[in-house]
Amino acid sequence: MKNLKAIKSTVVVLLFSFVGIAAADSKNYGEWKRIDVAPGVYQTTDGNGVAREIAPSCSGGPVCAPDASGPNCRLGDKQFSFYYKPGKEKKLLVFFDGGGSCWDSNTCVTGQLTPLSAYVPELKDALSTQGLFDQNNPKNPYRDWSMVAIPYCTGDIHLGSNDQNYTDFTGAVTGTPFGTVTLHHRGFDNFLYVREWLMQRLGTDDGDKNRNRKRAREKDDDDDGVKRLLVTGSSAGAYGAVFSYPHLKQAFPKAEGYLMADAGNGVVSDALLQQALREPDARWGAAQNLVHAIPGMDGIFDLPPDRFAQGFYTALAGYYPQDRFSQYSTLFDVIQALFYNISLNQNDIAAWGNLTPQVYGAWSQQMVNNAFVTAANPNYRFYIAPGCNHTVLRFNDDFYNTQSGQTPSFLSWFKALTKDGEDGDYPANWSNSFCAGCAIPPTQQEVGACLQRSFSN
């Protein structure tokens, strides 16, 4: 059975035609290309070595904009696309984008009171051009790496392989109160498509001897595939990066692996875990996407909320002791705290935006606790910065500048993640870093500025 065989043969022809075109342009490091994935069912193999069918798609969930007459809603476009930028072929960076999450009828559809969106149901028009994506800044340590950016539009933090029905309580979407809306939680299917595409382009013949991969380009005699693999993501994409990491390691077994999760620190409610991830509810259908060979992974969704994130990192760090794992967050990340508040009050929409000091403090305390407990793993590091900004990779401000004078700077810490130290040790700048004198909560004005920053990009 051929890899990535679409129901329609024309899809395969188009896919490999694009591969050939992109390969010919492999020395143009600064040019991103958008790859549109034709709707359909595809066949591939996941990190467990299991052959499976995937259906890449955006959620098709409601897109609502209130106007003078009330909510104006439509069902979103289901087209999935991703971006690729050729660079140094032995260095590959995989980025997962963010955009909220949903797991019940209130968060996924309209809610009982108003069409308040809790996630992004359609693709953004373009990538960010700041931070990690600023290809013209010589300070960017990864600008010459080959990069793939996986957009987000599925509401499942890139974990899902399931279609789920939700209730349109108000009728704002379907036109009928209590009508049904079907969402395609296919974030992991989207990732598996991109993974297969990357293996066809950058993989090696001996990466999986049981598969007969067609090569998408000619390789030099001394070229044995990806040597350095950096997996990262922001917000919802931080979870996608962690979850997909072992599948990428299996795809590129000779690569030294690095992971940096940006502003996805695993402070979640038990209700979210129960409804989105745990059987028998499991609305995202993520259990089938765990890599079962890793000790502790199969029971990861059954852990209590305060051990969920720790469990993931501990399992990965133990299974890949030569790889490096890391997390970033500001101490008072307003978007992460808001989504924690939504998960605590999912049936009380009026309370979603009421981020009380108690909830804010509880989120911050649990985030810090997660980081310090996980730091018991010798190949894990955290970076906790001051303020309430959400994500660092997509913005020039905190990516290139350390306003507080924190040592090391974020940029030097992030650069050191993939650098070799002396005598086999880790680089000195790749160390746990907690902002000094940053424990005073942000003012209302500062929170407003942090929110405006997030929604502007």
Protein backbone atom coordinates (compact mmCIF):
# COMPACT_ATOMS: atom_id res chain seq x y z
CA MET A 1 0.00 0.00 0.00
CA LYS A 2 1.53 3.28 -1.06
CA ASN A 3 2.09 6.00 1.52
CA LEU A 4 -0.21 8.95 1.50
CA LYS A 5 -2.51 7.45 -1.17
CA ALA A 6 -5.50 9.70 -1.68
CA ILE A 7 -8.89 8.46 -2.71
CA LYS A 8 -8.44 10.40 -5.92
CA SER A 9 -5.19 9.75 -7.76
CA THR A 10 -5.04 13.35 -8.92
CA VAL A 11 -4.35 14.43 -5.33
CA VAL A 12 -1.20 12.29 -5.29
CA VAL A 13 -0.05 13.76 -8.60
CA LEU A 14 -0.52 17.30 -7.32
CA LEU A 15 1.23 16.54 -4.03
CA PHE A 16 4.38 15.12 -5.59
CA SER A 17 4.41 17.75 -8.30
CA PHE A 18 4.64 20.35 -5.54
CA VAL A 19 7.41 18.38 -3.81
CA GLY A 20 9.46 18.51 -6.97
CA ILE A 21 8.94 22.24 -7.39
CA ALA A 22 9.84 23.00 -3.77
CA ALA A 23 12.97 20.82 -3.93
CA ALA A 24 14.24 22.75 -6.91
CA ASP A 25 14.00 25.92 -4.80
CA SER A 26 15.71 24.44 -1.73
CA LYS A 27 18.40 27.11 -1.53
CA ASN A 28 15.98 30.02 -1.29
CA TYR A 29 15.90 30.10 2.51
CA GLY A 30 13.60 33.09 2.90
CA GLU A 31 10.57 32.11 0.85
CA TRP A 32 7.54 30.46 2.45
CA LYS A 33 5.26 28.30 0.34
CA ARG A 34 1.67 27.48 1.20
CA ILE A 35 0.59 23.91 0.58
CA ASP A 36 -3.18 23.42 0.27
CA VAL A 37 -4.37 19.93 1.18
CA ALA A 38 -7.15 18.63 -1.03
CA PRO A 39 -10.17 17.34 0.92
CA GLY A 40 -10.28 13.57 1.15
CA VAL A 41 -9.16 10.52 3.06
CA TYR A 42 -5.48 9.64 3.00
CA GLN A 43 -3.49 6.63 4.15
CA THR A 44 -0.32 6.93 6.19
CA THR A 45 1.51 5.34 9.12
CA ASP A 46 1.83 6.97 12.55
CA GLY A 47 4.59 6.91 15.16
CA ASN A 48 3.30 3.59 16.49
CA GLY A 49 3.93 2.02 13.09
CA VAL A 50 0.16 1.64 12.63
CA ALA A 51 -1.34 2.12 9.17
CA ARG A 52 -4.34 4.40 9.36
CA GLU A 53 -6.68 6.62 7.42
CA ILE A 54 -6.67 10.35 8.08
CA ALA A 55 -9.01 13.14 7.00
CA PRO A 56 -7.16 16.49 7.12
CA SER A 57 -9.57 19.35 7.72
CA CYS A 58 -10.34 22.49 9.65
CA SER A 59 -13.21 22.20 12.11
CA GLY A 60 -15.92 23.72 9.92
CA GLY A 61 -17.18 25.27 13.14
CA PRO A 62 -19.13 28.51 13.45
CA VAL A 63 -17.62 31.88 12.67
CA CYS A 64 -19.71 34.57 14.37
CA ALA A 65 -19.54 38.34 14.39
CA PRO A 66 -22.15 40.30 16.36
CA ASP A 67 -23.83 43.15 14.49
CA ALA A 68 -26.70 45.54 15.18
CA SER A 69 -29.33 42.89 14.51
CA GLY A 70 -27.65 40.22 16.63
CA PRO A 71 -25.11 37.48 15.99
CA ASN A 72 -24.18 36.96 12.36
CA CYS A 73 -22.90 33.38 12.04
CA ARG A 74 -21.80 30.98 9.32
CA LEU A 75 -20.02 27.65 9.24
CA GLY A 76 -16.29 27.96 8.71
CA ASP A 77 -14.19 26.88 5.76
CA LYS A 78 -12.81 23.34 6.24
CA GLN A 79 -9.78 23.83 3.99
CA PHE A 80 -6.50 22.87 5.69
CA SER A 81 -3.16 24.24 4.50
CA PHE A 82 0.35 24.44 5.90
CA TYR A 83 3.54 26.34 5.15
CA TYR A 84 7.06 25.24 4.29
CA LYS A 85 10.27 27.22 3.99
CA PRO A 86 13.32 25.39 2.62
CA GLY A 87 16.61 25.94 4.39
CA LYS A 88 19.48 23.83 5.62
CA GLU A 89 18.28 20.35 4.87
CA LYS A 90 19.81 18.67 7.91
CA LYS A 91 18.16 21.14 10.30
CA LEU A 92 14.38 21.01 10.58
CA LEU A 93 12.11 23.19 12.71
CA VAL A 94 8.44 22.18 13.09
CA PHE A 95 6.13 24.85 14.49
CA PHE A 96 2.52 24.37 15.68
CA ASP A 97 0.39 27.51 15.77
CA GLY A 98 -2.22 28.38 18.41
CA GLY A 99 -5.75 29.70 18.66
CA GLY A 100 -7.81 28.56 21.64
CA SER A 101 -9.65 25.28 22.23
CA CYS A 102 -13.14 23.86 22.69
CA TRP A 103 -14.63 20.70 24.16
CA ASP A 104 -18.39 21.17 24.73
CA SER A 105 -21.38 22.87 23.11
CA ASN A 106 -20.78 26.17 24.90
CA THR A 107 -17.13 26.48 23.91
CA CYS A 108 -17.45 24.93 20.44
CA VAL A 109 -20.66 26.44 19.08
CA THR A 110 -22.62 29.43 20.36
CA GLY A 111 -23.21 29.06 24.04
CA GLN A 112 -26.54 29.63 25.74
CA LEU A 113 -26.23 33.43 25.81
CA THR A 114 -24.08 34.72 22.98
CA PRO A 115 -21.83 33.43 20.17
CA LEU A 116 -18.62 33.90 22.13
CA SER A 117 -15.75 32.24 20.33
CA ALA A 118 -13.34 30.12 22.39
CA TYR A 119 -11.16 29.01 19.50
CA VAL A 120 -10.21 29.92 15.92
CA PRO A 121 -12.28 27.78 13.50
CA GLU A 122 -10.59 28.85 10.26
CA LEU A 123 -7.03 29.31 9.07
CA LYS A 124 -5.38 32.69 9.38
CA ASP A 125 -4.58 34.41 6.11
CA ALA A 126 -0.82 34.41 6.65
CA LEU A 127 2.00 33.55 9.01
CA SER A 128 3.45 35.98 11.51
CA THR A 129 6.47 37.88 10.25
CA GLN A 130 7.85 38.62 13.71
CA GLY A 131 10.00 36.78 16.23
CA LEU A 132 10.90 33.30 15.07
CA PHE A 133 9.37 34.12 11.67
CA ASP A 134 11.43 37.26 11.06
CA GLN A 135 13.66 35.88 8.34
CA ASN A 136 15.52 39.16 7.85
CA ASN A 137 16.82 39.57 11.39
CA PRO A 138 20.39 38.25 11.74
CA LYS A 139 19.73 37.71 15.46
CA ASN A 140 17.21 34.99 14.64
CA PRO A 141 19.18 31.80 15.38
CA TYR A 142 16.90 29.58 13.30
CA ARG A 143 16.27 31.65 10.21
CA ASP A 144 18.40 29.38 8.00
CA TRP A 145 16.74 26.13 9.18
CA SER A 146 14.18 24.36 7.06
CA MET A 147 10.83 25.18 8.65
CA VAL A 148 7.31 23.86 8.48
CA ALA A 149 4.49 25.79 10.14
CA ILE A 150 1.28 23.92 10.96
CA PRO A 151 -1.69 26.30 11.33
CA TYR A 152 -4.48 25.63 13.80
CA CYS A 153 -8.22 25.57 13.17
CA THR A 154 -9.58 22.42 14.86
CA GLY A 155 -10.30 23.36 18.49
CA ASP A 156 -8.42 20.30 19.80
CA ILE A 157 -4.92 21.73 20.49
CA HIS A 158 -3.63 19.58 17.57
CA LEU A 159 -4.49 16.33 19.39
CA GLY A 160 -7.71 15.24 17.69
CA SER A 161 -8.81 12.58 15.20
CA ASN A 162 -12.58 12.67 15.61
CA ASP A 163 -15.79 14.27 14.38
CA GLN A 164 -18.11 15.39 17.18
CA ASN A 165 -21.67 16.73 17.29
CA TYR A 166 -22.47 19.77 19.44
CA THR A 167 -25.68 21.64 20.21
CA ASP A 168 -26.48 25.08 18.82
CA PHE A 169 -28.48 26.26 21.83
CA THR A 170 -29.42 29.67 20.44
CA GLY A 171 -29.94 28.64 16.83
CA ALA A 172 -27.55 31.40 15.74
CA VAL A 173 -25.64 28.99 13.49
CA THR A 174 -28.17 26.43 12.28
CA GLY A 175 -31.25 28.65 12.36
CA THR A 176 -32.91 26.19 14.70
CA PRO A 177 -32.56 26.39 18.49
CA PHE A 178 -30.92 23.20 19.78
CA GLY A 179 -29.84 22.28 16.27
CA THR A 180 -26.73 20.17 15.69
CA VAL A 181 -23.33 21.33 14.49
CA THR A 182 -20.63 18.80 13.60
CA LEU A 183 -17.06 19.82 14.28
CA HIS A 184 -14.06 18.12 12.73
CA HIS A 185 -11.49 17.76 15.49
CA ARG A 186 -8.82 16.69 13.03
CA GLY A 187 -5.75 18.52 14.31
CA PHE A 188 -3.69 15.36 14.64
CA ASP A 189 -4.81 14.16 11.21
CA ASN A 190 -3.49 17.45 9.85
CA PHE A 191 -0.18 16.85 11.59
CA LEU A 192 0.10 13.29 10.25
CA TYR A 193 -0.37 14.60 6.73
CA VAL A 194 2.43 17.12 7.25
CA ARG A 195 4.62 14.43 8.85
CA GLU A 196 4.22 12.18 5.82
CA TRP A 197 4.94 15.08 3.49
CA LEU A 198 8.15 15.82 5.40
CA MET A 199 9.25 12.19 5.35
CA GLN A 200 8.75 12.06 1.60
CA ARG A 201 10.92 15.13 1.26
CA LEU A 202 13.53 14.85 4.01
CA GLY A 203 13.33 11.26 5.24
CA THR A 204 15.90 8.51 4.78
CA ASP A 205 15.51 5.05 3.33
CA ASP A 206 16.65 3.37 6.55
CA GLY A 207 14.43 5.46 8.84
CA ASP A 208 11.78 2.77 8.49
CA LYS A 209 12.94 -0.33 6.63
CA ASN A 210 9.45 -1.76 6.41
CA ARG A 211 8.23 1.03 4.15
CA ASN A 212 9.02 1.68 0.50
CA ARG A 213 9.24 5.46 0.41
CA LYS A 214 9.37 7.24 -2.89
CA ARG A 215 12.12 9.84 -2.78
CA ALA A 216 11.02 13.36 -3.63
CA ARG A 217 14.51 14.61 -4.48
CA GLU A 218 18.02 13.42 -5.30
CA LYS A 219 20.27 13.03 -2.24
CA ASP A 220 24.05 13.32 -1.96
CA ASP A 221 25.98 10.23 -0.98
CA ASP A 222 26.84 11.67 2.42
CA ASP A 223 23.32 12.98 3.13
CA ASP A 224 21.51 10.76 5.62
CA GLY A 225 18.58 13.01 6.45
CA VAL A 226 17.69 15.41 9.25
CA LYS A 227 20.40 15.76 11.90
CA ARG A 228 18.75 18.33 14.18
CA LEU A 229 15.03 18.46 14.86
CA LEU A 230 13.49 21.37 16.79
CA VAL A 231 9.79 20.96 17.59
CA THR A 232 8.02 23.99 18.99
CA GLY A 233 4.65 25.69 19.15
CA SER A 234 2.78 28.57 20.75
CA SER A 235 -0.34 28.47 22.93
CA ALA A 236 -2.48 25.55 21.69
CA GLY A 237 0.48 24.73 19.48
CA ALA A 238 2.65 24.15 22.53
CA TYR A 239 0.50 21.12 23.35
CA GLY A 240 0.65 20.00 19.74
CA ALA A 241 4.44 20.14 19.84
CA VAL A 242 4.66 18.03 22.99
CA PHE A 243 2.07 15.51 21.83
CA SER A 244 3.52 15.08 18.34
CA TYR A 245 7.17 15.00 19.38
CA PRO A 246 7.58 11.20 19.54
CA HIS A 247 5.87 10.78 16.15
CA LEU A 248 8.44 13.16 14.64
CA LYS A 249 11.29 11.38 16.40
CA GLN A 250 10.14 8.11 14.89
CA ALA A 251 10.03 9.76 11.46
CA PHE A 252 13.57 11.14 11.81
CA PRO A 253 15.32 8.61 14.09
CA LYS A 254 18.85 9.91 13.48
CA ALA A 255 18.05 13.49 14.47
CA GLU A 256 19.07 15.10 17.74
CA GLY A 257 15.79 16.27 19.22
CA TYR A 258 14.81 19.51 20.94
CA LEU A 259 11.44 20.77 22.14
CA MET A 260 10.30 24.20 23.32
CA ALA A 261 6.66 24.67 24.33
CA ASP A 262 5.70 28.35 24.26
CA ALA A 263 2.85 29.38 26.57
CA GLY A 264 1.08 26.05 26.92
CA ASN A 265 1.94 25.06 30.47
CA GLY A 266 -0.73 22.49 31.18
CA VAL A 267 -2.85 24.21 33.84
CA VAL A 268 -6.27 22.78 32.95
CA SER A 269 -9.48 21.84 34.74
CA ASP A 270 -10.61 18.31 35.45
CA ALA A 271 -13.77 18.99 33.43
CA LEU A 272 -11.72 19.72 30.31
CA LEU A 273 -9.68 16.54 30.73
CA GLN A 274 -12.80 14.48 31.34
CA GLN A 275 -14.76 15.74 28.36
CA ALA A 276 -12.04 16.27 25.79
CA LEU A 277 -9.57 13.48 26.48
CA ARG A 278 -10.76 10.79 28.86
CA GLU A 279 -12.85 7.81 27.89
CA PRO A 280 -15.78 7.35 27.48
CA ASP A 281 -16.38 11.02 26.52
CA ALA A 282 -13.10 11.73 24.70
CA ARG A 283 -14.53 14.23 22.24
CA TRP A 284 -11.20 14.85 20.57
CA GLY A 285 -10.39 11.18 19.96
CA ALA A 286 -6.78 11.67 21.02
CA ALA A 287 -6.09 8.38 22.84
CA GLN A 288 -5.36 6.57 19.57
CA ASN A 289 -2.64 9.13 18.87
CA LEU A 290 -0.49 8.41 21.93
CA VAL A 291 2.80 6.58 21.33
CA HIS A 292 2.25 3.42 23.32
CA ALA A 293 5.91 2.38 23.54
CA ILE A 294 6.65 5.27 25.92
CA PRO A 295 6.15 4.17 29.55
CA GLY A 296 3.36 6.11 31.25
CA MET A 297 1.80 7.49 28.07
CA ASP A 298 -1.24 5.23 27.92
CA GLY A 299 -2.56 6.51 31.24
CA ILE A 300 -1.59 10.13 30.74
CA PHE A 301 -5.15 11.44 30.29
CA ASP A 302 -6.27 9.81 33.53
CA LEU A 303 -3.82 11.80 35.64
CA PRO A 304 -5.27 14.55 37.86
CA PRO A 305 -5.01 18.08 36.42
CA ASP A 306 -2.07 19.10 38.60
CA ARG A 307 0.01 16.20 37.26
CA PHE A 308 -1.10 16.18 33.62
CA ALA A 309 1.66 18.38 32.17
CA GLN A 310 4.33 16.97 34.45
CA GLY A 311 3.43 13.48 33.31
CA PHE A 312 3.91 14.31 29.64
CA TYR A 313 7.33 15.89 30.09
CA THR A 314 8.57 13.25 32.50
CA ALA A 315 7.54 10.49 30.10
CA LEU A 316 9.26 12.15 27.14
CA ALA A 317 12.39 13.17 29.03
CA GLY A 318 12.84 9.66 30.37
CA TYR A 319 12.29 7.97 27.02
CA TYR A 320 14.60 10.35 25.14
CA PRO A 321 17.38 11.04 27.67
CA GLN A 322 19.70 12.53 25.04
CA ASP A 323 17.10 15.04 23.84
CA ARG A 324 16.25 18.39 25.42
CA PHE A 325 12.84 19.62 26.56
CA SER A 326 11.83 23.12 27.65
CA GLN A 327 8.91 25.45 28.37
CA TYR A 328 8.35 29.20 28.33
CA SER A 329 5.70 31.34 30.01
CA THR A 330 5.25 34.73 31.56
CA LEU A 331 4.34 34.58 35.23
CA PHE A 332 0.89 36.10 34.66
CA ASP A 333 0.06 34.98 31.12
CA VAL A 334 -3.42 36.47 30.71
CA ILE A 335 -4.61 34.23 27.85
CA GLN A 336 -3.63 31.01 29.56
CA ALA A 337 -5.32 32.22 32.75
CA LEU A 338 -8.45 33.18 30.81
CA PHE A 339 -8.76 29.75 29.24
CA TYR A 340 -8.25 28.15 32.63
CA ASN A 341 -11.10 30.32 33.89
CA ILE A 342 -13.29 29.28 30.94
CA SER A 343 -12.60 25.62 31.70
CA LEU A 344 -13.64 26.18 35.31
CA ASN A 345 -16.84 28.00 34.28
CA GLN A 346 -17.76 26.39 30.98
CA ASN A 347 -21.48 26.41 31.82
CA ASP A 348 -21.47 30.03 33.02
CA ILE A 349 -20.55 32.06 29.95
CA ALA A 350 -21.04 35.35 31.77
CA ALA A 351 -18.12 34.40 34.04
CA TRP A 352 -15.66 33.63 31.26
CA GLY A 353 -14.17 37.09 31.09
CA ASN A 354 -14.30 37.66 34.86
CA LEU A 355 -10.74 36.70 35.69
CA THR A 356 -10.73 37.02 39.48
CA PRO A 357 -7.50 37.44 41.46
CA GLN A 358 -8.15 34.04 43.04
CA VAL A 359 -8.32 32.23 39.70
CA TYR A 360 -5.41 34.23 38.28
CA GLY A 361 -3.31 33.42 41.33
CA ALA A 362 -4.26 29.74 41.22
CA TRP A 363 -3.24 29.51 37.57
CA SER A 364 0.11 31.22 38.18
CA GLN A 365 0.91 29.09 41.23
CA GLN A 366 0.12 25.84 39.40
CA MET A 367 2.14 26.89 36.35
CA VAL A 368 5.20 27.59 38.51
CA ASN A 369 4.73 24.37 40.43
CA ASN A 370 4.52 22.39 37.18
CA ALA A 371 7.77 23.92 35.99
CA PHE A 372 9.75 23.33 39.17
CA VAL A 373 8.50 19.75 39.66
CA THR A 374 9.25 18.85 36.04
CA ALA A 375 12.74 20.34 36.43
CA ALA A 376 13.66 17.19 38.35
CA ASN A 377 14.26 15.72 34.89
CA PRO A 378 17.90 16.49 34.03
CA ASN A 379 17.17 17.23 30.35
CA TYR A 380 14.34 19.71 30.98
CA ARG A 381 14.53 23.49 31.51
CA PHE A 382 11.98 26.27 32.06
CA TYR A 383 12.00 30.00 31.37
CA ILE A 384 9.47 32.07 33.34
CA ALA A 385 9.45 35.73 32.33
CA PRO A 386 7.74 38.73 33.98
CA GLY A 387 4.44 40.25 32.95
CA CYS A 388 1.26 38.96 31.34
CA ASN A 389 2.13 38.66 27.65
CA HIS A 390 0.99 35.50 25.90
CA THR A 391 3.55 33.64 23.74
CA VAL A 392 7.02 34.78 22.78
CA LEU A 393 7.80 33.17 19.43
CA ARG A 394 5.38 35.23 17.31
CA PHE A 395 6.40 38.70 18.51
CA ASN A 396 9.54 40.79 18.16
CA ASP A 397 9.24 42.42 21.60
CA ASP A 398 9.92 39.60 24.07
CA PHE A 399 11.71 37.44 21.50
CA TYR A 400 14.52 39.89 20.77
CA ASN A 401 14.42 42.07 23.89
CA THR A 402 14.54 41.29 27.59
CA GLN A 403 12.94 44.33 29.14
CA SER A 404 13.51 43.17 32.71
CA GLY A 405 17.19 42.38 32.29
CA GLN A 406 16.49 38.73 33.09
CA THR A 407 19.54 36.49 32.81
CA PRO A 408 19.98 34.72 30.53
CA SER A 409 17.96 36.62 27.96
CA PHE A 410 15.21 34.60 26.33
CA LEU A 411 16.95 34.71 22.95
CA SER A 412 20.24 33.40 24.32
CA TRP A 413 18.35 30.69 26.27
CA PHE A 414 16.39 29.65 23.18
CA LYS A 415 19.53 29.63 21.05
CA ALA A 416 21.40 27.54 23.62
CA LEU A 417 18.66 24.89 23.48
CA THR A 418 20.15 23.47 20.28
CA LYS A 419 23.83 24.26 20.92
CA ASP A 420 26.52 21.89 22.15
CA GLY A 421 28.18 22.63 25.47
CA GLU A 422 31.72 21.89 26.57
CA ASP A 423 32.80 18.38 27.56
CA GLY A 424 29.36 16.99 26.84
CA ASP A 425 27.59 19.32 29.29
CA TYR A 426 24.63 21.50 28.42
CA PRO A 427 25.41 25.10 27.42
CA ALA A 428 25.54 27.44 30.41
CA ASN A 429 22.78 29.66 29.01
CA TRP A 430 20.38 26.73 28.76
CA SER A 431 19.42 26.89 32.41
CA ASN A 432 16.25 27.25 34.45
CA SER A 433 15.37 30.93 34.67
CA PHE A 434 12.79 32.56 36.92
CA CYS A 435 12.26 36.31 36.69
CA ALA A 436 13.50 38.25 39.70
CA GLY A 437 11.16 40.69 41.46
CA CYS A 438 8.24 39.83 39.20
CA ALA A 439 5.68 38.51 41.70
CA ILE A 440 3.47 41.63 41.76
CA PRO A 441 0.34 40.91 39.68
CA PRO A 442 -0.24 43.15 36.64
CA THR A 443 -2.53 46.14 36.84
CA GLN A 444 -5.80 46.27 34.91
CA GLN A 445 -4.16 48.56 32.39
CA GLU A 446 -1.27 46.12 31.92
CA VAL A 447 -3.67 43.23 31.46
CA GLY A 448 -5.50 45.22 28.80
CA ALA A 449 -2.24 45.85 26.96
CA CYS A 450 -1.39 42.14 27.08
CA LEU A 451 -4.79 41.23 25.68
CA GLN A 452 -4.49 43.80 22.89
CA ARG A 453 -1.06 42.41 21.96
CA SER A 454 -2.44 38.86 21.64
CA PHE A 455 -5.45 39.80 19.56
CA SER A 456 -3.38 41.98 17.23
CA ASN A 457 -1.40 39.03 15.89
